[in-house]
Amino acid sequence: MVNNEHGVSRIVHHKDYYLRGGDMTVLVENHLYRIHSYFFERESLFFRQKLLAGPSEDGEDRGSSDSNHYTLDDVKSEDFSRFLWVFYNPKYSLYEASLDVWLSILRLATRWGFNNVKELSVRELEKLEIECVDKISIYHEYSISKLYLIPSYVSVVKRDKPLTFTEGVKLGMETVLRVADARERARQRASESGIRTPSFDDFEDSDVEVLVREVFGLGPPPTPTGASTIPNGSNPSTIQLGQPPRKNNAAASRNGVNGPVNGSGSSRHDASPPVSNNNSTGSTGSTRNQTGGIHNLDREISPASAHSGRGGQQGQKGFARQ
């Protein structure tokens, strides 16, 4: 709320996230949030250091009251509300939101080192239809594995029109040069195979994917023989489907063990997205969704840790000949 007479924003309790049972008060812009420190201390080194900073000068624990709150600078209240929705979503792991919402969440998760939340964001982004150039730019910015981008790279390489100046600025010089290299290699191989006036419609996606993997240094696609891979060939490793590890027969007989059973998986559901305004992005519930194991933030998130759920990899086909 704003005091128009003096032009000063008045500090108010956030309508959704000033929780009666909260133990940490945070000021973001002109909104006070009363939330649970447990989630922040558990998942973020940034907040663990804040929470261990000790009491304020008057001896009162920091963040314990409205008058002794933590302040988060350079954060919008709308973005922080969207971020809190991950923890206080009342629909028990059912997430559905727009691209803008997930980008807000991804931005703060990356900034503060919430690895599980970052992985959740990637999984949900993989369910959305994102224009190829935009997706490449986003994933590069937040150090998300390039293996997710193989279909986007292929689409950009195969399209008839070259990259525009605006797209080039968005992608950066390195990516623009790699895309140009892949397009030139595709034309050269088509010419060598006897196609006089090749167009990119003459190329199979699987052949362009091989070029993309070479140019972007992503390695060859995993072999399908005797193994199961993540869809789109995006998993750098394979899961062997052969016999389970052998056990000592006597020990197995004593313990009644026949071998491990592999049957883990995940299911997808639909849920309503959070409202995008500052005062309506979430719920006052206190249910927290578990999003998986903790990983180091200084590595890229790979498809092995966040399945995209897309279709399988296409078969390998040769270049079409005239």
C-alpha atoms as a PDB file:
ATOM      1  CA  MET A   1       0.000   0.000   0.000  1.00  0.00           C
ATOM      2  CA  VAL A   2       1.181   3.514  -0.717  1.00  0.00           C
ATOM      3  CA  ASN A   3       0.738   6.709   1.222  1.00  0.00           C
ATOM      4  CA  ASN A   4       0.073   9.079  -1.681  1.00  0.00           C
ATOM      5  CA  GLU A   5       0.474  12.173   0.463  1.00  0.00           C
ATOM      6  CA  HIS A   6       4.088  11.438   1.296  1.00  0.00           C
ATOM      7  CA  GLY A   7       4.921   9.080  -1.596  1.00  0.00           C
ATOM      8  CA  VAL A   8       6.126   6.376   0.821  1.00  0.00           C
ATOM      9  CA  SER A   9       5.093   2.717   0.731  1.00  0.00           C
ATOM     10  CA  ARG A  10       3.551   1.526   3.973  1.00  0.00           C
ATOM     11  CA  ILE A  11       4.783  -1.835   5.257  1.00  0.00           C
ATOM     12  CA  VAL A  12       1.980  -4.386   5.437  1.00  0.00           C
ATOM     13  CA  HIS A  13       1.621  -8.074   6.242  1.00  0.00           C
ATOM     14  CA  HIS A  14       1.463 -10.223   3.136  1.00  0.00           C
ATOM     15  CA  LYS A  15      -2.082 -11.540   2.788  1.00  0.00           C
ATOM     16  CA  ASP A  16      -1.039 -15.134   2.039  1.00  0.00           C
ATOM     17  CA  TYR A  17       2.341 -15.623   3.650  1.00  0.00           C
ATOM     18  CA  TYR A  18       2.193 -13.922   7.007  1.00  0.00           C
ATOM     19  CA  LEU A  19       1.621 -17.208   8.811  1.00  0.00           C
ATOM     20  CA  ARG A  20       0.559 -17.511  12.419  1.00  0.00           C
ATOM     21  CA  GLY A  21       2.901 -20.453  13.038  1.00  0.00           C
ATOM     22  CA  GLY A  22       5.908 -18.923  11.286  1.00  0.00           C
ATOM     23  CA  ASP A  23       9.162 -18.309  13.136  1.00  0.00           C
ATOM     24  CA  MET A  24      11.017 -16.042  10.677  1.00  0.00           C
ATOM     25  CA  THR A  25       9.969 -12.563   9.566  1.00  0.00           C
ATOM     26  CA  VAL A  26      11.261 -11.291   6.235  1.00  0.00           C
ATOM     27  CA  LEU A  27      10.755  -7.912   4.588  1.00  0.00           C
ATOM     28  CA  VAL A  28      10.579  -7.873   0.787  1.00  0.00           C
ATOM     29  CA  GLU A  29       9.763  -4.483  -0.729  1.00  0.00           C
ATOM     30  CA  ASN A  30       6.857  -3.286   1.428  1.00  0.00           C
ATOM     31  CA  HIS A  31       5.566  -6.727   2.448  1.00  0.00           C
ATOM     32  CA  LEU A  32       6.325  -8.546   5.687  1.00  0.00           C
ATOM     33  CA  TYR A  33       6.370 -12.331   5.449  1.00  0.00           C
ATOM     34  CA  ARG A  34       6.095 -14.598   8.499  1.00  0.00           C
ATOM     35  CA  ILE A  35       7.284 -18.015   7.344  1.00  0.00           C
ATOM     36  CA  HIS A  36       9.037 -21.163   8.554  1.00  0.00           C
ATOM     37  CA  SER A  37      12.827 -21.017   8.738  1.00  0.00           C
ATOM     38  CA  TYR A  38      13.028 -24.824   8.557  1.00  0.00           C
ATOM     39  CA  PHE A  39      12.770 -24.955   4.758  1.00  0.00           C
ATOM     40  CA  PHE A  40      15.360 -22.222   4.282  1.00  0.00           C
ATOM     41  CA  GLU A  41      17.861 -23.558   6.792  1.00  0.00           C
ATOM     42  CA  ARG A  42      17.550 -27.092   5.463  1.00  0.00           C
ATOM     43  CA  GLU A  43      18.064 -26.331   1.784  1.00  0.00           C
ATOM     44  CA  SER A  44      20.086 -23.136   1.412  1.00  0.00           C
ATOM     45  CA  LEU A  45      23.621 -22.322   2.548  1.00  0.00           C
ATOM     46  CA  PHE A  46      22.805 -18.658   1.920  1.00  0.00           C
ATOM     47  CA  PHE A  47      20.032 -18.714   4.511  1.00  0.00           C
ATOM     48  CA  ARG A  48      21.915 -20.974   6.929  1.00  0.00           C
ATOM     49  CA  GLN A  49      24.585 -18.304   7.110  1.00  0.00           C
ATOM     50  CA  LYS A  50      21.944 -15.619   7.657  1.00  0.00           C
ATOM     51  CA  LEU A  51      20.239 -17.608  10.403  1.00  0.00           C
ATOM     52  CA  LEU A  52      23.541 -18.283  12.171  1.00  0.00           C
ATOM     53  CA  ALA A  53      24.565 -14.624  12.116  1.00  0.00           C
ATOM     54  CA  GLY A  54      23.549 -14.248  15.767  1.00  0.00           C
ATOM     55  CA  PRO A  55      21.223 -11.823  17.571  1.00  0.00           C
ATOM     56  CA  SER A  56      20.912  -8.141  16.750  1.00  0.00           C
ATOM     57  CA  GLU A  57      22.456  -5.366  18.848  1.00  0.00           C
ATOM     58  CA  ASP A  58      19.523  -5.328  21.275  1.00  0.00           C
ATOM     59  CA  GLY A  59      19.932  -9.054  21.920  1.00  0.00           C
ATOM     60  CA  GLU A  60      16.766 -10.078  20.084  1.00  0.00           C
ATOM     61  CA  ASP A  61      17.026 -12.926  17.608  1.00  0.00           C
ATOM     62  CA  ARG A  62      17.084 -11.682  14.042  1.00  0.00           C
ATOM     63  CA  GLY A  63      13.901 -12.299  12.136  1.00  0.00           C
ATOM     64  CA  SER A  64      11.937 -13.012  15.299  1.00  0.00           C
ATOM     65  CA  SER A  65       9.532 -10.062  15.026  1.00  0.00           C
ATOM     66  CA  ASP A  66       8.172  -7.408  12.697  1.00  0.00           C
ATOM     67  CA  SER A  67      10.557  -4.856  14.147  1.00  0.00           C
ATOM     68  CA  ASN A  68      13.593  -7.134  13.877  1.00  0.00           C
ATOM     69  CA  HIS A  69      13.059  -8.705  10.478  1.00  0.00           C
ATOM     70  CA  TYR A  70      15.433  -9.921   7.809  1.00  0.00           C
ATOM     71  CA  THR A  71      15.507  -7.772   4.681  1.00  0.00           C
ATOM     72  CA  LEU A  72      15.947  -9.275   1.218  1.00  0.00           C
ATOM     73  CA  ASP A  73      17.290  -6.674  -1.170  1.00  0.00           C
ATOM     74  CA  ASP A  74      16.976  -6.824  -4.960  1.00  0.00           C
ATOM     75  CA  VAL A  75      13.998  -9.193  -4.718  1.00  0.00           C
ATOM     76  CA  LYS A  76      10.481  -8.429  -5.864  1.00  0.00           C
ATOM     77  CA  SER A  77       7.618  -9.326  -3.575  1.00  0.00           C
ATOM     78  CA  GLU A  78       5.820 -11.027  -6.454  1.00  0.00           C
ATOM     79  CA  ASP A  79       8.830 -13.270  -7.150  1.00  0.00           C
ATOM     80  CA  PHE A  80       9.274 -14.153  -3.474  1.00  0.00           C
ATOM     81  CA  SER A  81       5.588 -15.088  -3.188  1.00  0.00           C
ATOM     82  CA  ARG A  82       5.927 -17.354  -6.191  1.00  0.00           C
ATOM     83  CA  PHE A  83       8.985 -18.957  -4.621  1.00  0.00           C
ATOM     84  CA  LEU A  84       7.129 -19.603  -1.346  1.00  0.00           C
ATOM     85  CA  TRP A  85       4.330 -21.279  -3.287  1.00  0.00           C
ATOM     86  CA  VAL A  86       6.681 -24.217  -3.870  1.00  0.00           C
ATOM     87  CA  PHE A  87       6.762 -24.927  -0.116  1.00  0.00           C
ATOM     88  CA  TYR A  88       3.204 -23.964   0.769  1.00  0.00           C
ATOM     89  CA  ASN A  89       1.390 -25.332  -2.254  1.00  0.00           C
ATOM     90  CA  PRO A  90      -1.785 -26.906  -0.802  1.00  0.00           C
ATOM     91  CA  LYS A  91      -2.138 -29.417  -3.645  1.00  0.00           C
ATOM     92  CA  TYR A  92       0.534 -31.849  -2.471  1.00  0.00           C
ATOM     93  CA  SER A  93       3.163 -31.909  -5.226  1.00  0.00           C
ATOM     94  CA  LEU A  94       0.744 -30.927  -8.006  1.00  0.00           C
ATOM     95  CA  TYR A  95       2.359 -28.024  -9.818  1.00  0.00           C
ATOM     96  CA  GLU A  96       1.134 -26.156 -12.845  1.00  0.00           C
ATOM     97  CA  ALA A  97       2.178 -22.589 -13.561  1.00  0.00           C
ATOM     98  CA  SER A  98       3.160 -20.301 -16.405  1.00  0.00           C
ATOM     99  CA  LEU A  99       6.657 -19.796 -17.776  1.00  0.00           C
ATOM    100  CA  ASP A 100       6.994 -16.468 -15.955  1.00  0.00           C
ATOM    101  CA  VAL A 101       6.174 -18.094 -12.616  1.00  0.00           C
ATOM    102  CA  TRP A 102       8.740 -20.856 -13.050  1.00  0.00           C
ATOM    103  CA  LEU A 103      11.383 -18.373 -14.180  1.00  0.00           C
ATOM    104  CA  SER A 104      10.816 -16.375 -10.976  1.00  0.00           C
ATOM    105  CA  ILE A 105      11.225 -19.564  -8.944  1.00  0.00           C
ATOM    106  CA  LEU A 106      14.254 -20.717 -10.928  1.00  0.00           C
ATOM    107  CA  ARG A 107      15.948 -17.331 -10.567  1.00  0.00           C
ATOM    108  CA  LEU A 108      15.684 -17.272  -6.771  1.00  0.00           C
ATOM    109  CA  ALA A 109      16.468 -20.983  -6.383  1.00  0.00           C
ATOM    110  CA  THR A 110      19.687 -20.501  -8.338  1.00  0.00           C
ATOM    111  CA  ARG A 111      20.609 -17.311  -6.501  1.00  0.00           C
ATOM    112  CA  TRP A 112      20.116 -18.804  -3.029  1.00  0.00           C
ATOM    113  CA  GLY A 113      21.266 -22.353  -3.709  1.00  0.00           C
ATOM    114  CA  PHE A 114      17.960 -24.223  -3.350  1.00  0.00           C
ATOM    115  CA  ASN A 115      19.079 -27.225  -5.388  1.00  0.00           C
ATOM    116  CA  ASN A 116      15.888 -29.255  -4.995  1.00  0.00           C
ATOM    117  CA  VAL A 117      13.727 -26.316  -6.010  1.00  0.00           C
ATOM    118  CA  LYS A 118      15.934 -25.712  -9.029  1.00  0.00           C
ATOM    119  CA  GLU A 119      15.498 -29.311 -10.121  1.00  0.00           C
ATOM    120  CA  LEU A 120      11.744 -29.025  -9.662  1.00  0.00           C
ATOM    121  CA  SER A 121      11.764 -25.906 -11.838  1.00  0.00           C
ATOM    122  CA  VAL A 122      13.616 -27.725 -14.602  1.00  0.00           C
ATOM    123  CA  ARG A 123      11.197 -30.647 -14.510  1.00  0.00           C
ATOM    124  CA  GLU A 124       8.249 -28.288 -14.830  1.00  0.00           C
ATOM    125  CA  LEU A 125       9.892 -26.195 -17.550  1.00  0.00           C
ATOM    126  CA  GLU A 126      10.343 -29.387 -19.566  1.00  0.00           C
ATOM    127  CA  LYS A 127       6.552 -29.777 -19.621  1.00  0.00           C
ATOM    128  CA  LEU A 128       6.037 -26.347 -21.184  1.00  0.00           C
ATOM    129  CA  GLU A 129       6.202 -25.364 -24.839  1.00  0.00           C
ATOM    130  CA  ILE A 130       9.036 -22.822 -25.013  1.00  0.00           C
ATOM    131  CA  GLU A 131      10.284 -21.233 -28.227  1.00  0.00           C
ATOM    132  CA  CYS A 132      13.659 -22.797 -29.120  1.00  0.00           C
ATOM    133  CA  VAL A 133      15.811 -19.653 -28.936  1.00  0.00           C
ATOM    134  CA  ASP A 134      14.212 -18.587 -25.654  1.00  0.00           C
ATOM    135  CA  LYS A 135      14.703 -22.040 -24.134  1.00  0.00           C
ATOM    136  CA  ILE A 136      18.359 -22.154 -25.127  1.00  0.00           C
ATOM    137  CA  SER A 137      18.924 -18.702 -23.646  1.00  0.00           C
ATOM    138  CA  ILE A 138      17.173 -19.589 -20.368  1.00  0.00           C
ATOM    139  CA  TYR A 139      18.961 -22.897 -19.879  1.00  0.00           C
ATOM    140  CA  HIS A 140      22.345 -21.354 -20.618  1.00  0.00           C
ATOM    141  CA  GLU A 141      21.729 -18.513 -18.169  1.00  0.00           C
ATOM    142  CA  TYR A 142      20.933 -20.874 -15.304  1.00  0.00           C
ATOM    143  CA  SER A 143      23.558 -23.540 -16.132  1.00  0.00           C
ATOM    144  CA  ILE A 144      21.047 -26.257 -16.962  1.00  0.00           C
ATOM    145  CA  SER A 145      22.463 -29.200 -18.872  1.00  0.00           C
ATOM    146  CA  LYS A 146      22.746 -28.723 -22.633  1.00  0.00           C
ATOM    147  CA  LEU A 147      21.516 -32.281 -23.070  1.00  0.00           C
ATOM    148  CA  TYR A 148      18.012 -30.951 -22.503  1.00  0.00           C
ATOM    149  CA  LEU A 149      18.546 -28.572 -25.421  1.00  0.00           C
ATOM    150  CA  ILE A 150      19.371 -31.077 -28.147  1.00  0.00           C
ATOM    151  CA  PRO A 151      15.877 -30.881 -29.732  1.00  0.00           C
ATOM    152  CA  SER A 152      16.043 -27.063 -29.585  1.00  0.00           C
ATOM    153  CA  TYR A 153      19.519 -26.989 -31.139  1.00  0.00           C
ATOM    154  CA  VAL A 154      18.298 -29.316 -33.903  1.00  0.00           C
ATOM    155  CA  SER A 155      15.304 -27.072 -34.635  1.00  0.00           C
ATOM    156  CA  VAL A 156      17.456 -23.940 -34.845  1.00  0.00           C
ATOM    157  CA  VAL A 157      20.024 -25.650 -37.077  1.00  0.00           C
ATOM    158  CA  LYS A 158      17.369 -27.056 -39.429  1.00  0.00           C
ATOM    159  CA  ARG A 159      15.235 -23.950 -39.872  1.00  0.00           C
ATOM    160  CA  ASP A 160      15.394 -22.204 -43.235  1.00  0.00           C
ATOM    161  CA  LYS A 161      16.004 -18.674 -41.952  1.00  0.00           C
ATOM    162  CA  PRO A 162      19.281 -17.759 -40.221  1.00  0.00           C
ATOM    163  CA  LEU A 163      19.280 -16.291 -36.748  1.00  0.00           C
ATOM    164  CA  THR A 164      18.181 -12.679 -36.521  1.00  0.00           C
ATOM    165  CA  PHE A 165      20.296 -10.006 -34.852  1.00  0.00           C
ATOM    166  CA  THR A 166      17.993  -9.995 -31.803  1.00  0.00           C
ATOM    167  CA  GLU A 167      18.180 -13.775 -31.496  1.00  0.00           C
ATOM    168  CA  GLY A 168      21.952 -13.646 -31.838  1.00  0.00           C
ATOM    169  CA  VAL A 169      22.225 -11.157 -28.977  1.00  0.00           C
ATOM    170  CA  LYS A 170      19.990 -13.376 -26.853  1.00  0.00           C
ATOM    171  CA  LEU A 171      22.021 -16.527 -27.545  1.00  0.00           C
ATOM    172  CA  GLY A 172      25.493 -15.019 -27.358  1.00  0.00           C
ATOM    173  CA  MET A 173      28.434 -15.219 -29.734  1.00  0.00           C
ATOM    174  CA  GLU A 174      29.554 -18.764 -28.847  1.00  0.00           C
ATOM    175  CA  THR A 175      26.167 -20.346 -29.468  1.00  0.00           C
ATOM    176  CA  VAL A 176      25.640 -18.381 -32.694  1.00  0.00           C
ATOM    177  CA  LEU A 177      28.984 -19.610 -34.038  1.00  0.00           C
ATOM    178  CA  ARG A 178      28.253 -23.211 -33.073  1.00  0.00           C
ATOM    179  CA  VAL A 179      24.849 -23.099 -34.769  1.00  0.00           C
ATOM    180  CA  ALA A 180      26.451 -21.657 -37.928  1.00  0.00           C
ATOM    181  CA  ASP A 181      29.105 -24.394 -37.811  1.00  0.00           C
ATOM    182  CA  ALA A 182      26.478 -27.132 -37.540  1.00  0.00           C
ATOM    183  CA  ARG A 183      24.473 -25.677 -40.456  1.00  0.00           C
ATOM    184  CA  GLU A 184      27.576 -25.519 -42.646  1.00  0.00           C
ATOM    185  CA  ARG A 185      28.548 -29.098 -41.779  1.00  0.00           C
ATOM    186  CA  ALA A 186      25.044 -30.271 -42.673  1.00  0.00           C
ATOM    187  CA  ARG A 187      25.241 -28.588 -46.089  1.00  0.00           C
ATOM    188  CA  GLN A 188      28.708 -30.023 -46.720  1.00  0.00           C
ATOM    189  CA  ARG A 189      27.677 -33.579 -45.883  1.00  0.00           C
ATOM    190  CA  ALA A 190      24.571 -33.277 -48.042  1.00  0.00           C
ATOM    191  CA  SER A 191      26.717 -32.086 -50.942  1.00  0.00           C
ATOM    192  CA  GLU A 192      29.146 -34.957 -50.443  1.00  0.00           C
ATOM    193  CA  SER A 193      26.262 -37.425 -50.508  1.00  0.00           C
ATOM    194  CA  GLY A 194      25.158 -36.197 -53.956  1.00  0.00           C
ATOM    195  CA  ILE A 195      22.420 -33.666 -53.186  1.00  0.00           C
ATOM    196  CA  ARG A 196      22.968 -30.749 -55.584  1.00  0.00           C
ATOM    197  CA  THR A 197      20.735 -28.128 -53.938  1.00  0.00           C
ATOM    198  CA  PRO A 198      20.152 -29.380 -50.405  1.00  0.00           C
ATOM    199  CA  SER A 199      17.566 -27.875 -48.107  1.00  0.00           C
ATOM    200  CA  PHE A 200      17.280 -28.640 -44.429  1.00  0.00           C
ATOM    201  CA  ASP A 201      14.087 -30.580 -45.150  1.00  0.00           C
ATOM    202  CA  ASP A 202      16.377 -33.192 -46.708  1.00  0.00           C
ATOM    203  CA  PHE A 203      17.956 -33.950 -43.329  1.00  0.00           C
ATOM    204  CA  GLU A 204      16.606 -36.313 -40.726  1.00  0.00           C
ATOM    205  CA  ASP A 205      16.507 -34.995 -37.167  1.00  0.00           C
ATOM    206  CA  SER A 206      18.665 -37.908 -36.048  1.00  0.00           C
ATOM    207  CA  ASP A 207      21.420 -36.921 -38.490  1.00  0.00           C
ATOM    208  CA  VAL A 208      21.332 -33.284 -37.408  1.00  0.00           C
ATOM    209  CA  GLU A 209      21.432 -34.431 -33.782  1.00  0.00           C
ATOM    210  CA  VAL A 210      24.728 -36.199 -34.495  1.00  0.00           C
ATOM    211  CA  LEU A 211      26.133 -32.926 -35.847  1.00  0.00           C
ATOM    212  CA  VAL A 212      24.795 -30.969 -32.879  1.00  0.00           C
ATOM    213  CA  ARG A 213      26.416 -33.380 -30.440  1.00  0.00           C
ATOM    214  CA  GLU A 214      29.729 -32.994 -32.271  1.00  0.00           C
ATOM    215  CA  VAL A 215      29.628 -29.214 -32.511  1.00  0.00           C
ATOM    216  CA  PHE A 216      28.424 -28.600 -28.949  1.00  0.00           C
ATOM    217  CA  GLY A 217      30.703 -31.273 -27.471  1.00  0.00           C
ATOM    218  CA  LEU A 218      27.874 -33.367 -26.046  1.00  0.00           C
ATOM    219  CA  GLY A 219      29.249 -36.733 -27.060  1.00  0.00           C
ATOM    220  CA  PRO A 220      27.545 -39.468 -29.077  1.00  0.00           C
ATOM    221  CA  PRO A 221      24.017 -40.628 -28.260  1.00  0.00           C
ATOM    222  CA  PRO A 222      23.791 -43.620 -25.913  1.00  0.00           C
ATOM    223  CA  THR A 223      23.568 -47.015 -27.538  1.00  0.00           C
ATOM    224  CA  PRO A 224      20.112 -48.612 -27.376  1.00  0.00           C
ATOM    225  CA  THR A 225      21.492 -52.170 -27.378  1.00  0.00           C
ATOM    226  CA  GLY A 226      20.587 -53.957 -24.142  1.00  0.00           C
ATOM    227  CA  ALA A 227      19.905 -50.696 -22.372  1.00  0.00           C
ATOM    228  CA  SER A 228      17.157 -48.224 -21.632  1.00  0.00           C
ATOM    229  CA  THR A 229      17.780 -44.500 -21.975  1.00  0.00           C
ATOM    230  CA  ILE A 230      16.100 -41.297 -20.966  1.00  0.00           C
ATOM    231  CA  PRO A 231      13.812 -39.966 -23.785  1.00  0.00           C
ATOM    232  CA  ASN A 232      15.480 -37.935 -26.572  1.00  0.00           C
ATOM    233  CA  GLY A 233      18.813 -39.591 -25.817  1.00  0.00           C
ATOM    234  CA  SER A 234      19.385 -36.985 -23.147  1.00  0.00           C
ATOM    235  CA  ASN A 235      20.830 -39.235 -20.469  1.00  0.00           C
ATOM    236  CA  PRO A 236      24.617 -39.459 -20.691  1.00  0.00           C
ATOM    237  CA  SER A 237      24.524 -42.882 -19.034  1.00  0.00           C
ATOM    238  CA  THR A 238      22.449 -45.994 -19.619  1.00  0.00           C
ATOM    239  CA  ILE A 239      20.523 -48.310 -17.344  1.00  0.00           C
ATOM    240  CA  GLN A 240      21.417 -51.941 -17.915  1.00  0.00           C
ATOM    241  CA  LEU A 241      18.443 -54.255 -18.198  1.00  0.00           C
ATOM    242  CA  GLY A 242      20.330 -57.522 -17.835  1.00  0.00           C
ATOM    243  CA  GLN A 243      20.381 -59.893 -14.894  1.00  0.00           C
ATOM    244  CA  PRO A 244      20.447 -58.395 -11.380  1.00  0.00           C
ATOM    245  CA  PRO A 245      23.742 -58.521  -9.462  1.00  0.00           C
ATOM    246  CA  ARG A 246      24.572 -62.052  -8.410  1.00  0.00           C
ATOM    247  CA  LYS A 247      24.410 -62.900  -4.743  1.00  0.00           C
ATOM    248  CA  ASN A 248      25.981 -65.693  -2.776  1.00  0.00           C
ATOM    249  CA  ASN A 249      23.577 -68.606  -3.238  1.00  0.00           C
ATOM    250  CA  ALA A 250      23.785 -69.702   0.378  1.00  0.00           C
ATOM    251  CA  ALA A 251      23.158 -66.196   1.691  1.00  0.00           C
ATOM    252  CA  ALA A 252      20.289 -65.701  -0.722  1.00  0.00           C
ATOM    253  CA  SER A 253      18.750 -68.988   0.336  1.00  0.00           C
ATOM    254  CA  ARG A 254      18.986 -68.116   4.018  1.00  0.00           C
ATOM    255  CA  ASN A 255      17.503 -64.663   3.574  1.00  0.00           C
ATOM    256  CA  GLY A 256      14.929 -65.568   0.951  1.00  0.00           C
ATOM    257  CA  VAL A 257      16.337 -62.940  -1.412  1.00  0.00           C
ATOM    258  CA  ASN A 258      15.686 -63.405  -5.096  1.00  0.00           C
ATOM    259  CA  GLY A 259      17.244 -60.143  -6.249  1.00  0.00           C
ATOM    260  CA  PRO A 260      16.428 -56.444  -6.330  1.00  0.00           C
ATOM    261  CA  VAL A 261      13.172 -55.168  -7.705  1.00  0.00           C
ATOM    262  CA  ASN A 262      13.273 -52.008  -9.765  1.00  0.00           C
ATOM    263  CA  GLY A 263       9.959 -50.253 -10.074  1.00  0.00           C
ATOM    264  CA  SER A 264      10.403 -46.649  -9.133  1.00  0.00           C
ATOM    265  CA  GLY A 265       8.796 -43.989 -11.246  1.00  0.00           C
ATOM    266  CA  SER A 266       6.863 -40.795 -11.215  1.00  0.00           C
ATOM    267  CA  SER A 267       3.477 -39.581 -12.358  1.00  0.00           C
ATOM    268  CA  ARG A 268       2.326 -36.203 -13.542  1.00  0.00           C
ATOM    269  CA  HIS A 269      -0.690 -34.285 -12.421  1.00  0.00           C
ATOM    270  CA  ASP A 270      -2.321 -31.005 -13.151  1.00  0.00           C
ATOM    271  CA  ALA A 271      -2.738 -28.223 -10.640  1.00  0.00           C
ATOM    272  CA  SER A 272      -3.833 -24.628 -10.725  1.00  0.00           C
ATOM    273  CA  PRO A 273      -1.041 -22.069 -11.132  1.00  0.00           C
ATOM    274  CA  PRO A 274      -0.416 -19.438  -8.498  1.00  0.00           C
ATOM    275  CA  VAL A 275      -2.013 -16.086  -9.172  1.00  0.00           C
ATOM    276  CA  SER A 276       0.627 -13.692 -10.464  1.00  0.00           C
ATOM    277  CA  ASN A 277      -0.186 -10.618  -8.351  1.00  0.00           C
ATOM    278  CA  ASN A 278       1.654  -9.849  -5.147  1.00  0.00           C
ATOM    279  CA  ASN A 279      -1.175 -10.679  -2.808  1.00  0.00           C
ATOM    280  CA  SER A 280      -2.589 -13.878  -4.277  1.00  0.00           C
ATOM    281  CA  THR A 281       0.271 -16.278  -4.973  1.00  0.00           C
ATOM    282  CA  GLY A 282      -0.167 -19.295  -2.831  1.00  0.00           C
ATOM    283  CA  SER A 283      -1.945 -20.541   0.247  1.00  0.00           C
ATOM    284  CA  THR A 284      -1.681 -20.269   3.990  1.00  0.00           C
ATOM    285  CA  GLY A 285      -1.277 -24.016   4.224  1.00  0.00           C
ATOM    286  CA  SER A 286       1.894 -25.553   5.577  1.00  0.00           C
ATOM    287  CA  THR A 287       2.385 -28.640   3.433  1.00  0.00           C
ATOM    288  CA  ARG A 288       5.827 -28.967   1.920  1.00  0.00           C
ATOM    289  CA  ASN A 289       6.533 -31.005  -1.213  1.00  0.00           C
ATOM    290  CA  GLN A 290       9.652 -33.147  -1.241  1.00  0.00           C
ATOM    291  CA  THR A 291      11.473 -32.672  -4.512  1.00  0.00           C
ATOM    292  CA  GLY A 292      14.310 -35.158  -4.367  1.00  0.00           C
ATOM    293  CA  GLY A 293      17.857 -35.483  -3.123  1.00  0.00           C
ATOM    294  CA  ILE A 294      20.220 -32.572  -2.682  1.00  0.00           C
ATOM    295  CA  HIS A 295      22.816 -32.045  -5.393  1.00  0.00           C
ATOM    296  CA  ASN A 296      25.742 -29.693  -5.687  1.00  0.00           C
ATOM    297  CA  LEU A 297      24.787 -26.415  -7.304  1.00  0.00           C
ATOM    298  CA  ASP A 298      28.165 -25.968  -8.983  1.00  0.00           C
ATOM    299  CA  ARG A 299      27.337 -28.685 -11.484  1.00  0.00           C
ATOM    300  CA  GLU A 300      24.804 -28.472 -14.238  1.00  0.00           C
ATOM    301  CA  ILE A 301      21.433 -30.079 -13.646  1.00  0.00           C
ATOM    302  CA  SER A 302      21.221 -33.011 -16.016  1.00  0.00           C
ATOM    303  CA  PRO A 303      18.291 -34.994 -17.378  1.00  0.00           C
ATOM    304  CA  ALA A 304      19.353 -37.871 -15.141  1.00  0.00           C
ATOM    305  CA  SER A 305      18.149 -35.874 -12.133  1.00  0.00           C
ATOM    306  CA  ALA A 306      15.008 -34.355 -13.634  1.00  0.00           C
ATOM    307  CA  HIS A 307      13.129 -36.406 -16.241  1.00  0.00           C
ATOM    308  CA  SER A 308      11.519 -34.449 -19.031  1.00  0.00           C
ATOM    309  CA  GLY A 309       8.909 -37.049 -19.902  1.00  0.00           C
ATOM    310  CA  ARG A 310       9.058 -36.459 -23.636  1.00  0.00           C
ATOM    311  CA  GLY A 311       8.965 -38.975 -26.463  1.00  0.00           C
ATOM    312  CA  GLY A 312      11.719 -41.487 -27.224  1.00  0.00           C
ATOM    313  CA  GLN A 313      14.736 -40.911 -29.395  1.00  0.00           C
ATOM    314  CA  GLN A 314      14.264 -41.238 -33.092  1.00  0.00           C
ATOM    315  CA  GLY A 315      16.010 -43.983 -35.003  1.00  0.00           C
ATOM    316  CA  GLN A 316      19.190 -43.274 -36.889  1.00  0.00           C
ATOM    317  CA  LYS A 317      18.587 -42.594 -40.584  1.00  0.00           C
ATOM    318  CA  GLY A 318      20.872 -41.554 -43.361  1.00  0.00           C
ATOM    319  CA  PHE A 319      20.768 -38.302 -45.274  1.00  0.00           C
ATOM    320  CA  ALA A 320      18.062 -38.303 -47.976  1.00  0.00           C
ATOM    321  CA  ARG A 321      19.545 -38.567 -51.411  1.00  0.00           C
ATOM    322  CA  GLN A 322      18.208 -36.934 -54.484  1.00  0.00           C
END
